Protein backbone atom coordinates (compact mmCIF):
# COMPACT_ATOMS: atom_id res chain seq x y z
CA MET A 1 43.33 154.53 54.12
CA LYS A 2 46.17 156.42 53.80
CA LYS A 3 48.83 153.45 54.56
CA ARG A 4 46.69 152.23 51.07
CA ILE A 5 46.43 154.05 48.68
CA ILE A 6 50.33 154.67 49.21
CA PHE A 7 50.27 151.22 48.74
CA PHE A 8 48.37 150.53 45.72
CA ILE A 9 50.07 153.24 43.98
CA ILE A 10 53.81 151.74 45.18
CA ILE A 11 52.41 148.82 43.22
CA PHE A 12 51.02 150.85 39.96
CA ALA A 13 54.57 152.16 39.35
CA VAL A 14 56.52 148.83 40.05
CA LEU A 15 53.95 147.72 37.36
CA ILE A 16 53.86 150.13 35.13
CA VAL A 17 57.56 149.72 35.21
CA PHE A 18 57.76 145.45 34.41
CA LEU A 19 55.20 146.72 31.24
CA ALA A 20 57.47 149.11 29.82
CA LYS A 21 60.63 146.77 30.41
CA GLN A 22 58.78 144.59 28.30
CA PHE A 23 57.56 145.97 25.47
CA GLY A 24 58.30 148.96 25.23
CA ASN A 25 61.60 149.46 25.71
CA PHE A 26 63.78 150.04 23.29
CA SER A 27 67.08 150.11 24.84
CA SER A 28 67.45 147.30 26.33
CA ASP A 29 70.13 145.31 25.73
CA PHE A 30 68.60 143.84 22.44
CA SER A 31 68.53 147.02 21.14
CA LYS A 32 71.70 147.38 21.56
CA GLY A 33 72.74 145.32 18.86
CA ILE A 34 69.88 147.38 16.25
CA LYS A 35 70.82 150.34 14.03
CA GLU A 36 68.23 152.27 12.15
CA GLY A 37 68.19 152.74 8.24
CA LYS A 38 67.37 150.97 5.48
CA GLY A 39 69.05 147.83 5.77
CA THR A 40 73.00 146.83 7.11
CA GLU A 41 75.40 144.43 5.43
CA SER A 42 72.99 141.21 5.62
CA ILE A 43 69.73 142.28 4.71
CA ARG A 44 67.95 145.73 2.84
CA ILE A 45 64.48 147.01 2.11
CA GLN A 46 63.49 147.79 -1.07
CA ASN A 47 60.20 148.88 -0.76
CA LEU A 48 60.69 150.96 2.25
CA SER A 49 62.89 154.21 4.29
CA PRO A 50 63.19 155.73 7.60
CA HIS A 51 60.56 157.82 7.72
CA ASN A 52 58.34 156.68 4.95
CA THR A 53 54.57 157.09 5.59
CA ILE A 54 52.46 154.31 5.30
CA ALA A 55 49.80 152.73 6.44
CA SER A 56 48.21 148.93 6.62
CA PRO A 57 48.39 146.41 5.54
CA LEU A 58 52.17 146.86 4.76
CA ILE A 59 53.86 144.67 2.34
CA ILE A 60 58.08 145.00 3.14
CA LYS A 61 59.61 143.29 0.35
CA GLY A 62 64.27 143.22 0.87
CA VAL A 63 67.30 141.33 -0.07
CA ALA A 64 68.86 139.49 2.86
CA ARG A 65 71.82 136.68 3.27
CA GLY A 66 70.89 133.54 4.52
CA SER A 67 72.76 133.68 7.05
CA TRP A 68 70.36 136.20 8.43
CA PHE A 69 67.08 133.52 9.00
CA PHE A 70 66.20 130.82 10.93
CA GLU A 71 64.39 128.14 9.01
CA ALA A 72 63.77 130.58 6.38
CA THR A 73 61.71 133.08 8.39
CA PHE A 74 62.64 135.70 10.89
CA PRO A 75 60.55 137.51 13.18
CA VAL A 76 59.94 141.24 12.00
CA LYS A 77 57.16 143.78 14.76
CA LEU A 78 55.63 146.94 14.33
CA VAL A 79 55.99 149.54 17.62
CA ALA A 80 53.94 152.90 18.22
CA GLU A 81 56.14 155.49 19.72
CA ASP A 82 54.64 154.77 23.08
CA GLY A 83 55.87 150.56 23.01
CA THR A 84 52.44 149.30 21.67
CA LEU A 85 52.99 146.56 19.92
CA LEU A 86 51.05 146.87 17.48
CA ALA A 87 51.97 144.06 15.13
CA SER A 88 54.62 141.05 13.83
CA GLY A 89 54.92 138.52 11.82
CA ILE A 90 57.63 136.73 10.43
CA ALA A 91 59.28 137.78 6.56
CA LYS A 92 60.32 134.40 5.18
CA ALA A 93 62.00 133.94 2.41
CA ASP A 94 61.21 133.63 -1.35
CA GLY A 95 64.08 130.69 -1.88
CA ASP A 96 66.58 128.78 -0.71
CA TRP A 97 67.82 130.47 2.15
CA LYS A 98 71.14 127.53 2.71
CA THR A 99 73.55 130.41 1.41
CA ASP A 100 75.04 133.15 1.67
CA ALA A 101 73.65 135.53 -0.84
CA PHE A 102 71.86 137.94 -0.52
CA ILE A 103 68.14 136.25 -1.07
CA PRO A 104 64.66 138.22 -1.13
CA PHE A 105 62.37 137.77 1.25
CA HIS A 106 58.46 138.92 1.78
CA SER A 107 56.57 140.16 4.79
CA GLN A 108 52.88 141.96 5.80
CA LEU A 109 52.64 143.34 8.21
CA ILE A 110 47.93 144.00 9.61
CA PHE A 111 47.73 146.70 12.07
CA THR A 112 45.65 150.04 12.82
CA SER A 113 47.23 153.20 14.18
CA ILE A 114 44.59 155.06 15.38
CA GLY A 115 45.42 157.47 18.38
CA HIS A 116 49.26 156.90 17.49
CA THR A 117 51.41 159.09 14.95
CA GLY A 118 54.62 157.15 14.15
CA GLY A 119 56.24 153.58 15.29
CA ILE A 120 59.21 151.62 14.05
CA ILE A 121 59.83 148.59 12.34
CA THR A 122 62.18 146.06 14.08
CA PHE A 123 63.52 143.68 11.57
CA GLU A 124 65.11 141.05 14.07
CA ARG A 125 68.04 138.44 12.87
CA GLY A 126 65.74 134.71 12.74
CA ASN A 127 69.75 133.39 13.31
CA ASN A 128 71.11 134.76 16.48
CA PHE A 129 73.57 132.19 16.93
CA GLY A 130 76.88 134.00 17.55
CA ASN A 131 75.96 137.31 15.88
CA GLU A 132 75.79 139.68 18.69
CA LYS A 133 76.53 142.67 17.41
CA ASN A 134 74.68 142.62 14.23
CA ARG A 135 70.56 141.80 15.55
CA GLY A 136 68.60 143.48 13.61
CA PHE A 137 68.23 146.62 12.68
CA ASN A 138 65.28 149.14 12.72
CA ILE A 139 63.39 151.75 10.70
CA PRO A 140 61.07 154.39 11.73
CA VAL A 141 57.98 155.49 10.24
CA SER A 142 54.39 157.39 11.02
CA PHE A 143 51.07 156.35 10.29
CA TYR A 144 49.29 156.91 7.20
CA TYR A 145 45.22 158.39 8.53
CA PRO A 146 42.63 158.70 4.67
C-alpha cells in the first residue's frame, strides 16, 4: 500500500511539473526574448502601462511595425500570476501591414479574473522568423474588482 501511494505521489509531482512548464513558466526559452514595459522599438501600446489596473473586456490599442505581424495579426495572452491562462486573443492590423512603418492595431481580451490579483499581458511577435532577440514583451497588470 505504501509503495502504491508513493508511486501516485511521484506521478502527480511529475504531472504538476509538466503542466507548469507548458502553461505557466515565464522563464522558459521563449520568454528569454520577451521584454517588460510599454513597448519596444517595434511595438508600442498606447492605452496600457505597466502595473495598470484592468477589467474585462479589455480593449488594447497600439502601433507596431509591419514586420511584427504575420498575415496582419499577432497573438496576445493574459496570464495570471500563478500561470493560469485567463485569455488569449489576436491583435489585428488596422491598415496595410506590408510595410516597415508603424501600423495601428487593436485587440480585445475577455476574461474572468476572480481569485487572482494580477498577471501579465504577453504580446508575441507574429513574425518570428530570424528575430530570436525580439520575440515579444510583457506588461504586468492588476485586476479591478467592482
